[in-house]
N, C-alpha and C. Protein backbone atom coordinates (compact mmCIF):
# COMPACT_ATOMS: atom_id res chain seq x y z
N MET A 1 29.10 91.39 -68.63
CA MET A 1 28.16 92.94 -67.35
C MET A 1 28.11 93.91 -68.43
N GLU A 2 27.34 95.11 -69.43
CA GLU A 2 27.95 95.97 -70.34
C GLU A 2 27.27 97.21 -70.28
N ILE A 3 27.50 98.06 -70.23
CA ILE A 3 27.06 99.13 -69.64
C ILE A 3 27.55 100.65 -70.33
N PHE A 4 26.29 100.44 -71.50
CA PHE A 4 26.69 102.09 -73.00
C PHE A 4 27.39 101.62 -74.31
N GLY A 5 27.66 100.49 -73.81
CA GLY A 5 28.84 99.20 -74.46
C GLY A 5 29.98 99.38 -74.35
N ILE A 6 30.26 99.24 -73.09
CA ILE A 6 31.71 98.94 -72.10
C ILE A 6 30.99 97.62 -71.10
N ASP A 7 32.39 97.13 -71.46
CA ASP A 7 31.65 95.59 -71.07
C ASP A 7 33.08 95.60 -69.55
N PHE A 8 32.50 96.09 -68.47
CA PHE A 8 33.08 95.37 -66.93
C PHE A 8 32.58 94.16 -66.51
N SER A 9 32.78 93.52 -67.29
CA SER A 9 32.38 92.15 -66.94
C SER A 9 33.93 91.16 -66.58
N CYS A 10 35.27 92.16 -66.89
CA CYS A 10 36.03 91.26 -67.09
C CYS A 10 36.59 91.71 -66.40
N ALA A 11 36.34 93.80 -66.31
CA ALA A 11 37.65 93.44 -63.93
C ALA A 11 36.58 93.27 -63.28
N PHE A 12 35.22 92.89 -63.22
CA PHE A 12 34.67 92.99 -61.92
C PHE A 12 34.72 91.80 -61.69
N GLY A 13 35.18 90.49 -62.87
CA GLY A 13 35.44 89.12 -62.35
C GLY A 13 36.50 89.14 -61.91
N SER A 14 37.55 89.82 -62.30
CA SER A 14 39.23 89.94 -61.87
C SER A 14 38.88 90.28 -60.28
N LEU A 15 37.98 91.25 -60.10
CA LEU A 15 38.08 92.28 -58.87
C LEU A 15 37.31 91.10 -57.81
N ARG A 16 36.12 90.50 -58.49
CA ARG A 16 35.09 89.46 -57.88
C ARG A 16 36.16 87.88 -57.13
N ASP A 17 37.22 88.06 -58.03
CA ASP A 17 37.97 86.52 -57.56
C ASP A 17 39.52 87.32 -56.41
N GLY A 18 39.61 88.25 -56.59
CA GLY A 18 40.61 89.08 -55.55
C GLY A 18 41.85 89.16 -55.97
N LYS A 19 41.79 89.18 -57.48
CA LYS A 19 42.43 89.28 -58.43
C LYS A 19 42.50 90.98 -58.94
N ILE A 20 44.00 91.37 -59.33
CA ILE A 20 43.96 93.21 -60.58
C ILE A 20 43.68 92.98 -61.59
N PRO A 21 42.97 93.21 -62.12
CA PRO A 21 43.15 92.81 -63.76
C PRO A 21 43.80 92.82 -64.88
N GLU A 22 44.12 91.48 -65.20
CA GLU A 22 44.82 91.31 -66.48
C GLU A 22 45.50 92.84 -67.76
N LYS A 23 45.79 92.74 -67.97
CA LYS A 23 46.15 93.62 -69.58
C LYS A 23 45.53 94.59 -69.92
N ASP A 24 45.71 93.00 -70.29
CA ASP A 24 44.50 92.71 -71.84
C ASP A 24 43.38 93.36 -71.02
N CYS A 25 42.52 92.88 -70.18
CA CYS A 25 41.47 93.17 -69.40
C CYS A 25 41.24 94.98 -69.17
N LEU A 26 42.10 95.56 -68.86
CA LEU A 26 42.33 97.04 -67.63
C LEU A 26 42.20 98.27 -68.78
N LEU A 27 43.24 97.62 -70.13
CA LEU A 27 43.45 99.00 -71.73
C LEU A 27 42.76 99.40 -72.06
N PRO A 28 41.84 98.17 -72.30
CA PRO A 28 40.30 98.42 -73.28
C PRO A 28 39.54 99.04 -72.71
N LEU A 29 39.30 98.75 -71.13
CA LEU A 29 38.06 99.32 -70.78
C LEU A 29 38.56 101.14 -69.82
N LEU A 30 39.43 100.92 -69.81
CA LEU A 30 40.14 102.51 -69.45
C LEU A 30 40.03 103.63 -70.61
N SER A 31 40.27 102.63 -71.98
CA SER A 31 40.07 103.39 -72.60
C SER A 31 39.00 104.02 -73.42
N LYS A 32 37.96 103.18 -73.18
CA LYS A 32 36.26 103.23 -73.71
C LYS A 32 35.72 103.88 -72.43
N LEU A 33 35.81 104.36 -71.06
CA LEU A 33 35.76 105.13 -69.93
C LEU A 33 36.62 106.52 -70.61
N LEU A 34 37.97 106.16 -70.95
CA LEU A 34 38.38 107.53 -71.74
C LEU A 34 37.36 108.38 -72.25
N GLY A 35 38.15 107.41 -73.49
CA GLY A 35 37.20 107.90 -74.94
C GLY A 35 35.93 108.19 -74.19
N TYR A 36 34.99 108.28 -73.46
CA TYR A 36 33.70 108.77 -73.36
C TYR A 36 33.99 110.56 -72.51
N ALA A 37 34.74 110.30 -71.77
CA ALA A 37 35.21 111.22 -71.13
C ALA A 37 36.06 112.69 -72.09
N ILE A 38 36.50 112.10 -72.85
CA ILE A 38 36.51 112.95 -74.09
C ILE A 38 35.67 113.22 -74.68
N VAL A 39 34.54 112.88 -74.67
CA VAL A 39 33.43 113.24 -75.87
C VAL A 39 32.58 113.78 -74.86
N ALA A 40 32.53 113.31 -73.63
CA ALA A 40 31.96 114.33 -72.63
C ALA A 40 32.44 115.29 -73.05
N ALA A 41 33.83 116.14 -72.17
CA ALA A 41 34.25 116.94 -72.22
C ALA A 41 34.67 117.85 -72.79
N SER A 42 34.44 117.40 -74.31
CA SER A 42 34.79 118.20 -75.93
C SER A 42 32.95 119.23 -75.68
N THR A 43 32.55 118.52 -75.38
CA THR A 43 30.90 119.77 -75.40
C THR A 43 31.19 121.31 -74.48
N THR A 44 32.46 121.72 -73.84
CA THR A 44 32.76 122.78 -73.86
C THR A 44 33.76 122.55 -73.77
N VAL A 45 34.86 122.30 -74.27
CA VAL A 45 35.86 122.51 -75.00
C VAL A 45 36.40 124.18 -75.14
N LYS A 46 35.31 125.13 -76.71
CA LYS A 46 35.72 126.16 -77.21
C LYS A 46 34.73 127.12 -76.18
N LEU A 47 34.27 127.05 -75.26
CA LEU A 47 33.40 127.96 -74.62
C LEU A 47 33.59 128.44 -74.38
N PRO A 48 34.37 128.17 -73.34
CA PRO A 48 35.47 129.90 -73.13
C PRO A 48 36.43 130.87 -73.94
N GLN A 49 36.61 130.34 -75.01
CA GLN A 49 36.85 130.84 -75.75
C GLN A 49 35.67 131.81 -76.63
N ILE A 50 34.86 131.03 -76.91
CA ILE A 50 33.52 131.59 -76.87
C ILE A 50 33.16 132.96 -75.97
N MET A 51 32.85 132.81 -74.88
CA MET A 51 32.76 132.78 -73.69
C MET A 51 33.59 134.80 -73.73
N LYS A 52 34.61 134.64 -73.83
CA LYS A 52 35.60 135.45 -73.90
C LYS A 52 35.36 136.42 -74.62
N ILE A 53 35.34 136.29 -76.03
CA ILE A 53 34.88 137.30 -77.12
C ILE A 53 34.10 137.64 -77.33
N LEU A 54 33.01 137.26 -76.68
CA LEU A 54 31.37 137.66 -76.41
C LEU A 54 31.36 138.48 -74.66
N LYS A 55 32.30 138.64 -74.02
CA LYS A 55 32.40 139.33 -73.22
C LYS A 55 32.88 141.12 -73.44
N HIS A 56 34.28 140.42 -73.98
CA HIS A 56 34.81 141.41 -74.34
C HIS A 56 34.57 142.48 -75.99
N ASN A 57 33.60 142.02 -76.42
CA ASN A 57 32.81 142.11 -77.79
C ASN A 57 34.78 142.70 -79.19
N SER A 58 34.61 141.10 -79.22
CA SER A 58 36.00 141.99 -79.60
C SER A 58 36.88 139.76 -79.78
N ILE A 59 37.23 140.56 -81.20
CA ILE A 59 38.51 139.32 -81.40
C ILE A 59 39.88 139.67 -81.99
N ARG A 60 40.93 140.34 -81.31
CA ARG A 60 41.94 141.10 -81.28
C ARG A 60 42.26 139.84 -80.29
N GLY A 61 43.63 140.31 -81.53
CA GLY A 61 45.07 138.93 -81.54
C GLY A 61 44.35 137.62 -81.88
N LEU A 62 43.56 136.97 -82.40
CA LEU A 62 42.24 135.91 -82.83
C LEU A 62 42.94 136.02 -84.84
N SER A 63 43.39 134.78 -85.19
CA SER A 63 43.44 134.38 -86.61
C SER A 63 42.55 133.75 -87.62
N MET A 64 41.69 134.73 -88.21
CA MET A 64 40.42 134.18 -88.67
C MET A 64 40.65 132.29 -89.93
N VAL A 65 42.02 132.41 -90.27
CA VAL A 65 42.89 132.00 -91.11
C VAL A 65 42.57 130.68 -90.00
N ALA A 66 43.22 130.53 -88.60
CA ALA A 66 43.29 129.54 -87.98
C ALA A 66 42.26 128.56 -87.06
N PHE A 67 41.24 129.49 -86.55
CA PHE A 67 40.14 128.80 -87.59
C PHE A 67 39.34 128.17 -87.81
N GLU A 68 39.36 128.56 -89.61
CA GLU A 68 38.67 128.23 -89.73
C GLU A 68 39.33 126.99 -90.40
N LEU A 69 40.53 126.85 -90.62
CA LEU A 69 41.45 125.74 -90.49
C LEU A 69 41.42 124.52 -89.75
N GLU A 70 40.23 124.94 -88.29
CA GLU A 70 39.90 123.95 -87.94
C GLU A 70 39.36 123.58 -88.00
N VAL A 71 38.06 124.31 -88.26
CA VAL A 71 37.00 123.89 -88.85
C VAL A 71 37.28 121.94 -89.66
N VAL A 72 37.69 122.66 -91.21
CA VAL A 72 38.34 121.93 -92.56
C VAL A 72 38.81 120.54 -91.99
N GLY A 73 39.51 120.58 -90.65
CA GLY A 73 40.27 119.42 -90.00
C GLY A 73 38.92 118.88 -89.17
N TYR A 74 38.31 118.60 -88.60
CA TYR A 74 37.60 118.68 -87.40
C TYR A 74 36.95 118.39 -88.83
N THR A 75 36.21 118.53 -90.04
CA THR A 75 34.88 118.37 -91.39
C THR A 75 35.65 116.45 -91.60
N ILE A 76 37.00 117.04 -91.90
CA ILE A 76 37.62 116.00 -92.78
C ILE A 76 37.64 114.70 -91.90
N ALA A 77 38.13 114.51 -90.22
CA ALA A 77 38.35 113.84 -89.18
C ALA A 77 37.53 113.26 -88.90
N LEU A 78 36.39 113.91 -88.85
CA LEU A 78 34.80 113.64 -88.76
C LEU A 78 34.26 112.55 -89.76
N ALA A 79 34.20 113.19 -91.02
CA ALA A 79 34.01 112.24 -92.01
C ALA A 79 34.71 111.22 -92.08
N TYR A 80 35.91 110.66 -92.10
CA TYR A 80 35.99 109.72 -92.42
C TYR A 80 36.32 108.52 -91.18
N CYS A 81 35.49 109.14 -90.01
CA CYS A 81 35.79 108.01 -88.64
C CYS A 81 34.35 106.91 -88.40
N LEU A 82 33.33 108.60 -89.20
CA LEU A 82 31.69 107.50 -89.85
C LEU A 82 31.98 107.20 -91.10
N HIS A 83 32.56 106.54 -91.92
CA HIS A 83 33.24 106.55 -92.84
C HIS A 83 34.09 105.00 -92.86
N LYS A 84 34.26 104.55 -91.45
CA LYS A 84 34.77 103.80 -91.48
C LYS A 84 33.96 103.28 -89.67
N GLY A 85 33.08 103.78 -89.26
CA GLY A 85 32.28 103.28 -88.89
C GLY A 85 32.76 102.77 -87.27
N LEU A 86 33.52 103.58 -87.29
CA LEU A 86 34.34 103.67 -85.17
C LEU A 86 33.31 103.48 -84.38
N PRO A 87 33.95 103.37 -82.86
CA PRO A 87 32.73 103.13 -82.26
C PRO A 87 33.22 104.28 -82.13
N PHE A 88 31.88 105.30 -81.43
CA PHE A 88 31.72 106.66 -81.13
C PHE A 88 32.19 106.97 -79.55
N SER A 89 32.86 106.00 -79.23
CA SER A 89 33.42 106.54 -77.85
C SER A 89 35.08 107.43 -79.10
N ALA A 90 35.73 106.84 -80.07
CA ALA A 90 37.14 107.18 -80.23
C ALA A 90 37.05 108.26 -80.62
N TYR A 91 35.81 108.70 -81.04
CA TYR A 91 35.41 110.08 -82.44
C TYR A 91 34.33 110.76 -82.27
N GLY A 92 33.62 110.38 -80.90
CA GLY A 92 32.62 111.48 -81.40
C GLY A 92 32.59 112.92 -80.20
N GLU A 93 33.70 112.90 -80.05
CA GLU A 93 34.41 114.39 -79.95
C GLU A 93 34.41 115.16 -80.65
N LEU A 94 34.92 114.89 -82.16
CA LEU A 94 34.86 115.53 -83.59
C LEU A 94 33.12 115.92 -84.17
N ALA A 95 32.32 115.73 -83.48
CA ALA A 95 31.17 115.84 -83.46
C ALA A 95 30.78 116.88 -82.76
N PHE A 96 30.96 117.13 -81.69
CA PHE A 96 30.91 118.26 -80.95
C PHE A 96 31.39 119.76 -80.90
N LEU A 97 33.02 119.26 -81.63
CA LEU A 97 33.66 120.42 -81.28
C LEU A 97 34.46 120.98 -82.56
N LEU A 98 33.30 120.06 -83.93
CA LEU A 98 33.03 120.59 -85.52
C LEU A 98 31.77 121.85 -84.97
N ILE A 99 30.84 121.90 -83.90
CA ILE A 99 29.64 122.48 -84.20
C ILE A 99 30.24 123.48 -83.80
N GLN A 100 30.92 123.58 -82.11
CA GLN A 100 31.34 124.49 -81.53
C GLN A 100 32.29 126.00 -82.05
N ALA A 101 33.48 125.47 -83.19
CA ALA A 101 34.59 125.82 -84.07
C ALA A 101 33.85 126.39 -84.76
N ILE A 102 32.36 125.64 -85.44
CA ILE A 102 31.81 126.24 -86.80
C ILE A 102 31.08 127.67 -86.49
N ILE A 103 29.94 127.55 -84.55
CA ILE A 103 29.87 128.44 -83.85
C ILE A 103 31.07 129.74 -83.62
N LEU A 104 32.51 129.54 -83.31
CA LEU A 104 33.20 130.60 -83.30
C LEU A 104 34.11 131.24 -84.46
N VAL A 105 33.72 130.65 -85.42
CA VAL A 105 34.08 131.28 -86.53
C VAL A 105 33.00 132.13 -87.22
N ALA A 106 31.37 131.40 -86.65
CA ALA A 106 31.18 132.74 -87.18
C ALA A 106 30.57 134.23 -86.66
N ILE A 107 31.14 133.77 -85.35
CA ILE A 107 31.45 134.90 -84.62
C ILE A 107 32.18 135.48 -84.61
N ILE A 108 33.49 135.12 -85.36
CA ILE A 108 34.49 136.60 -85.54
C ILE A 108 34.28 136.28 -86.37
N TYR A 109 33.45 136.52 -87.55
CA TYR A 109 33.21 137.22 -88.26
C TYR A 109 31.81 137.73 -88.37
N TYR A 110 31.39 137.90 -87.34
CA TYR A 110 30.28 138.84 -86.59
C TYR A 110 31.39 140.40 -85.96
N PHE A 111 32.42 139.78 -85.77
CA PHE A 111 32.80 140.64 -85.10
C PHE A 111 34.51 141.84 -86.07
N SER A 112 34.04 140.20 -87.63
CA SER A 112 35.04 141.24 -88.79
C SER A 112 34.06 141.81 -89.80
N GLN A 113 33.25 142.17 -89.19
CA GLN A 113 32.55 143.31 -89.68
C GLN A 113 32.93 144.46 -90.70
N PRO A 114 32.84 145.67 -91.65
CA PRO A 114 32.20 144.74 -92.63
C PRO A 114 33.19 143.46 -93.46
N MET A 115 32.31 142.71 -93.69
CA MET A 115 33.42 141.48 -94.69
C MET A 115 32.83 141.72 -96.27
N GLY A 116 34.20 141.64 -96.94
CA GLY A 116 34.32 141.46 -97.75
C GLY A 116 33.38 140.48 -98.70
N ILE A 117 33.58 140.65 -100.23
CA ILE A 117 32.79 140.18 -100.94
C ILE A 117 34.07 138.89 -100.93
N LYS A 118 35.53 138.97 -100.74
CA LYS A 118 36.20 137.84 -100.93
C LYS A 118 36.70 136.60 -99.67
N MET A 119 36.04 137.19 -98.79
CA MET A 119 35.72 136.04 -97.78
C MET A 119 34.87 135.40 -97.19
N TRP A 120 34.22 136.10 -98.06
CA TRP A 120 33.05 135.16 -98.12
C TRP A 120 33.20 134.32 -99.25
N ILE A 121 33.85 133.98 -99.43
CA ILE A 121 34.29 133.39 -100.62
C ILE A 121 34.23 131.22 -99.50
N ARG A 122 35.34 131.09 -98.71
CA ARG A 122 35.64 130.62 -98.07
C ARG A 122 34.24 129.93 -97.14
N PRO A 123 33.80 130.03 -96.54
CA PRO A 123 32.25 130.01 -95.92
C PRO A 123 31.91 129.70 -97.19
N LEU A 124 31.36 129.62 -98.70
CA LEU A 124 30.57 129.35 -99.36
C LEU A 124 30.51 128.00 -100.03
N ILE A 125 32.27 127.90 -100.09
CA ILE A 125 32.63 126.80 -100.76
C ILE A 125 32.52 125.46 -99.07
N TYR A 126 33.22 126.15 -98.04
CA TYR A 126 32.72 125.15 -97.01
C TYR A 126 31.15 124.50 -97.18
N CYS A 127 30.49 125.43 -97.56
CA CYS A 127 28.46 124.67 -97.29
C CYS A 127 28.71 124.01 -98.80
N ALA A 128 29.31 124.37 -99.72
CA ALA A 128 29.09 123.52 -100.51
C ALA A 128 29.57 122.29 -101.02
N VAL A 129 31.15 122.16 -99.68
CA VAL A 129 31.41 120.96 -100.04
C VAL A 129 31.68 119.96 -98.67
N ALA A 130 31.54 120.69 -97.91
CA ALA A 130 31.32 119.76 -96.08
C ALA A 130 30.18 118.53 -96.65
N PRO A 131 28.61 119.10 -96.84
CA PRO A 131 27.86 117.50 -96.55
C PRO A 131 28.41 116.55 -97.74
N THR A 132 29.05 117.20 -98.97
CA THR A 132 29.50 115.48 -99.49
C THR A 132 30.50 115.07 -98.89
N ILE A 133 31.56 115.58 -98.19
CA ILE A 133 32.77 114.80 -97.36
C ILE A 133 32.42 114.26 -96.18
N LEU A 134 31.08 114.52 -95.33
CA LEU A 134 30.17 113.89 -94.24
C LEU A 134 29.45 112.85 -94.53
N ALA A 135 29.05 113.04 -96.69
CA ALA A 135 28.24 111.99 -96.29
C ALA A 135 29.01 110.59 -97.05
N GLY A 136 30.57 110.80 -97.05
CA GLY A 136 31.93 109.93 -97.17
C GLY A 136 31.43 109.89 -99.48
N GLN A 137 31.09 110.50 -99.95
CA GLN A 137 30.59 111.03 -101.29
C GLN A 137 31.68 110.98 -102.68
N ILE A 138 32.53 110.34 -102.42
CA ILE A 138 33.80 111.45 -103.10
C ILE A 138 34.90 110.02 -103.14
N ASP A 139 35.32 109.92 -104.25
CA ASP A 139 36.73 108.59 -104.36
C ASP A 139 37.02 108.82 -103.65
N PRO A 140 37.67 107.39 -103.47
CA PRO A 140 37.91 106.90 -101.93
C PRO A 140 39.34 107.19 -101.87
N VAL A 141 40.23 107.45 -103.00
CA VAL A 141 41.57 107.84 -102.95
C VAL A 141 41.67 109.23 -102.56
N LEU A 142 40.94 109.45 -103.02
CA LEU A 142 40.45 111.73 -102.77
C LEU A 142 40.17 111.55 -100.70
N PHE A 143 39.59 110.79 -100.92
CA PHE A 143 38.65 110.64 -98.87
C PHE A 143 40.58 110.51 -98.79
N GLU A 144 41.31 109.39 -98.85
CA GLU A 144 42.36 108.75 -98.45
C GLU A 144 43.27 110.28 -97.58
N ALA A 145 43.52 110.77 -98.80
CA ALA A 145 44.07 111.69 -98.81
C ALA A 145 44.16 113.43 -97.96
N LEU A 146 43.25 112.61 -98.10
CA LEU A 146 41.93 114.02 -97.08
C LEU A 146 42.09 113.12 -96.35
N TYR A 147 41.91 112.60 -95.26
CA TYR A 147 42.18 112.20 -94.10
C TYR A 147 43.90 112.04 -94.09
N ALA A 148 44.83 111.60 -94.90
CA ALA A 148 46.07 112.24 -94.33
C ALA A 148 46.98 113.23 -94.40
N SER A 149 45.46 114.29 -94.55
CA SER A 149 46.63 116.00 -94.80
C SER A 149 45.68 116.24 -93.45
N GLN A 150 44.49 116.16 -93.57
CA GLN A 150 43.87 116.45 -91.87
C GLN A 150 44.93 116.74 -90.86
N HIS A 151 46.58 115.91 -90.21
CA HIS A 151 47.13 116.30 -89.71
C HIS A 151 48.34 117.18 -89.85
N ALA A 152 47.98 117.39 -91.23
CA ALA A 152 49.09 118.65 -91.88
C ALA A 152 47.92 120.51 -91.05
N ILE A 153 47.30 119.52 -91.68
CA ILE A 153 45.64 121.01 -91.18
C ILE A 153 45.35 121.83 -90.29
N PHE A 154 45.25 121.00 -88.77
CA PHE A 154 46.14 121.23 -87.53
C PHE A 154 46.82 121.31 -87.29
N PHE A 155 48.60 121.21 -87.92
CA PHE A 155 49.26 121.82 -88.12
C PHE A 155 49.42 123.21 -88.48
N PHE A 156 49.13 123.24 -89.11
CA PHE A 156 49.47 124.11 -89.78
C PHE A 156 48.11 125.70 -89.42
N ALA A 157 47.02 125.28 -89.37
CA ALA A 157 46.08 125.63 -88.49
C ALA A 157 46.84 126.52 -86.71
N ARG A 158 47.76 126.72 -86.46
CA ARG A 158 48.17 126.75 -84.95
C ARG A 158 49.28 128.48 -85.42
N VAL A 159 50.08 127.30 -86.69
CA VAL A 159 50.42 128.84 -87.32
C VAL A 159 50.05 130.32 -87.56
N PRO A 160 49.22 130.05 -87.89
CA PRO A 160 48.58 131.58 -88.06
C PRO A 160 49.17 132.48 -86.06
N GLN A 161 48.14 131.66 -86.07
CA GLN A 161 47.57 131.89 -84.51
C GLN A 161 48.85 132.12 -83.77
N ILE A 162 50.01 131.23 -83.84
CA ILE A 162 51.80 131.66 -83.26
C ILE A 162 51.89 132.58 -83.21
N TRP A 163 51.65 132.99 -84.94
CA TRP A 163 52.26 134.29 -85.72
C TRP A 163 51.05 135.40 -84.77
N GLU A 164 50.37 135.16 -85.23
CA GLU A 164 49.63 136.43 -84.99
C GLU A 164 50.41 137.15 -83.09
N ASN A 165 49.63 135.82 -82.41
CA ASN A 165 50.17 136.02 -80.47
C ASN A 165 52.14 136.46 -81.16
N PHE A 166 53.07 136.03 -82.40
CA PHE A 166 54.13 136.95 -81.46
C PHE A 166 54.14 138.40 -82.16
N GLN A 167 53.70 138.84 -83.00
CA GLN A 167 53.46 139.56 -83.81
C GLN A 167 53.30 141.00 -83.04
N ASN A 168 52.24 140.03 -81.90
CA ASN A 168 51.44 141.88 -80.94
C ASN A 168 52.05 141.41 -79.66
N LYS A 169 52.97 140.74 -79.00
CA LYS A 169 53.93 140.06 -78.20
C LYS A 169 52.63 140.21 -77.14
N SER A 170 51.27 139.51 -77.62
CA SER A 170 50.02 139.27 -76.87
C SER A 170 49.47 137.97 -77.07
N THR A 171 48.75 137.22 -76.34
CA THR A 171 47.35 136.72 -76.49
C THR A 171 46.19 137.38 -77.30
N GLY A 172 45.92 138.13 -76.47
CA GLY A 172 45.01 138.74 -77.26
C GLY A 172 44.15 138.63 -76.50
N GLU A 173 42.34 137.79 -77.34
CA GLU A 173 41.18 137.16 -76.56
C GLU A 173 41.36 136.24 -76.85
N LEU A 174 42.41 134.63 -76.89
CA LEU A 174 43.09 133.78 -77.04
C LEU A 174 42.64 132.84 -75.70
N SER A 175 41.63 132.17 -75.29
CA SER A 175 41.49 131.86 -74.30
C SER A 175 42.46 130.42 -73.91
N PHE A 176 43.11 130.68 -72.82
CA PHE A 176 44.40 129.59 -72.31
C PHE A 176 44.04 128.63 -71.47
N LEU A 177 42.51 128.40 -71.29
CA LEU A 177 41.53 127.17 -71.27
C LEU A 177 41.53 126.23 -72.33
N THR A 178 40.61 126.58 -73.46
CA THR A 178 40.52 126.29 -73.76
C THR A 178 41.60 125.60 -74.89
N SER A 179 42.50 126.48 -74.27
CA SER A 179 44.46 125.76 -75.73
C SER A 179 44.43 124.60 -75.29
N LEU A 180 44.30 124.64 -73.92
CA LEU A 180 44.95 123.43 -72.59
C LEU A 180 43.95 122.19 -72.72
N MET A 181 42.26 122.57 -72.34
CA MET A 181 41.68 121.67 -73.43
C MET A 181 42.11 120.91 -74.53
N ASN A 182 42.40 121.38 -75.01
CA ASN A 182 43.30 120.72 -76.82
C ASN A 182 43.73 119.59 -76.58
N SER A 183 44.97 120.89 -76.12
CA SER A 183 46.37 119.86 -75.78
C SER A 183 45.38 118.60 -74.55
N ALA A 184 45.62 119.10 -73.53
CA ALA A 184 45.13 118.12 -73.02
C ALA A 184 44.24 116.41 -73.49
N GLY A 185 42.99 116.77 -74.26
CA GLY A 185 42.30 116.04 -75.00
C GLY A 185 43.37 114.92 -75.62
N SER A 186 43.99 115.78 -76.85
CA SER A 186 44.53 115.46 -77.58
C SER A 186 45.73 114.00 -77.83
N MET A 187 46.22 114.22 -76.36
CA MET A 187 46.75 113.82 -75.76
C MET A 187 46.80 112.75 -75.19
N VAL A 188 45.47 112.10 -74.39
CA VAL A 188 44.48 111.03 -74.08
C VAL A 188 43.82 110.60 -75.49
N ARG A 189 43.89 111.61 -76.55
CA ARG A 189 42.96 110.39 -77.78
C ARG A 189 44.37 109.54 -79.06
N VAL A 190 44.92 110.24 -78.63
CA VAL A 190 46.53 109.33 -79.00
C VAL A 190 46.31 107.90 -78.04
N PHE A 191 46.28 107.46 -77.52
CA PHE A 191 46.10 106.49 -75.81
C PHE A 191 45.02 105.38 -76.68
N THR A 192 43.65 105.87 -76.48
CA THR A 192 42.33 106.11 -76.99
C THR A 192 42.16 105.21 -78.66
N SER A 193 43.36 106.05 -79.70
CA SER A 193 43.27 105.66 -81.07
C SER A 193 43.88 104.36 -80.78
N ILE A 194 45.39 104.49 -80.04
CA ILE A 194 45.73 103.07 -80.35
C ILE A 194 44.65 101.94 -80.08
N GLN A 195 44.21 102.26 -78.68
CA GLN A 195 43.09 100.72 -78.15
C GLN A 195 41.89 100.45 -79.05
N GLU A 196 41.59 101.69 -79.96
CA GLU A 196 40.55 101.23 -80.91
C GLU A 196 40.41 101.12 -82.34
N LYS A 197 41.92 100.60 -82.50
CA LYS A 197 41.92 100.80 -84.05
C LYS A 197 41.64 101.54 -84.82
N ALA A 198 42.12 103.07 -84.24
CA ALA A 198 40.99 103.68 -85.67
C ALA A 198 42.48 103.41 -86.88
N PRO A 199 41.99 104.20 -87.73
CA PRO A 199 42.04 103.58 -88.43
C PRO A 199 43.55 104.38 -89.39
N THR A 200 44.20 104.06 -89.94
CA THR A 200 44.92 104.69 -91.05
C THR A 200 45.48 105.00 -92.09
N SER A 201 46.09 105.68 -91.93
CA SER A 201 45.07 106.58 -94.39
C SER A 201 45.74 105.26 -94.88
N ALA A 202 45.17 104.63 -96.60
CA ALA A 202 45.88 103.95 -97.65
C ALA A 202 47.49 104.36 -97.40
N SER A 203 48.34 105.01 -97.68
CA SER A 203 49.00 105.76 -98.03
C SER A 203 49.85 105.42 -96.84
N HIS A 204 49.35 105.33 -95.20
CA HIS A 204 51.08 104.24 -94.81
C HIS A 204 50.55 103.69 -94.58
N LYS A 205 49.31 102.52 -94.05
CA LYS A 205 49.39 101.00 -94.71
C LYS A 205 49.77 100.60 -95.25
N GLN A 206 51.07 101.25 -97.01
CA GLN A 206 51.77 100.98 -98.00
C GLN A 206 52.29 101.34 -97.40
N GLN A 207 52.90 102.04 -96.99
CA GLN A 207 54.54 102.25 -96.03
C GLN A 207 54.45 100.96 -95.22
N LYS A 208 53.92 100.70 -94.22
CA LYS A 208 54.19 99.59 -93.89
C LYS A 208 54.39 98.13 -94.59
N ARG A 209 53.54 97.93 -95.55
CA ARG A 209 53.43 97.17 -95.99
C ARG A 209 55.53 97.07 -95.80
N ARG A 210 55.66 97.96 -97.22
CA ARG A 210 57.41 98.28 -98.21
C ARG A 210 58.32 97.79 -96.76
N LYS A 211 57.96 97.68 -95.56
CA LYS A 211 58.86 98.32 -94.91
C LYS A 211 58.37 96.29 -94.31
């Protein structure tokens, strides 16, 4: 019995026989269900942050660089997952998060008026390079390096916002709900990535082989 690519036959078969499903049967099923749950929840993750900015017509306390780096990180991660042909349940939230992150950055730009020429350079470079990365039309070695760097990108995306909060002694218009949903989704995704055998970078594989 398969629904939306999720095979329930193993679990239902065990339950029909009055047995608790085995670990090898239950974990992949749980991973798929959690994966789709993350994808569904991701459609609204950035919404609280967007609504808070629009409600107060303010981006007080928000770091533009932090949100820009998020867009870069989501782009690289989504492109790599598409290139590796992972099941949608293993990466689908990246597509929704990327769209929302781009909208969020656009709103921040809007409330940052007037914007100088230097501020427009970053979005113009992104618009020129992102389609090529998403299409996977770059050197494989460079692609692996980008994927390996996306973890550092997400880490450093948090630093400017943390510093902004520290300087202002306030979180300003930063949405607690969005931050909480991001953290919860990331923790659950660790489990599903292991179950779905998400790809690791070539450099990581080489380190494994050396060991």
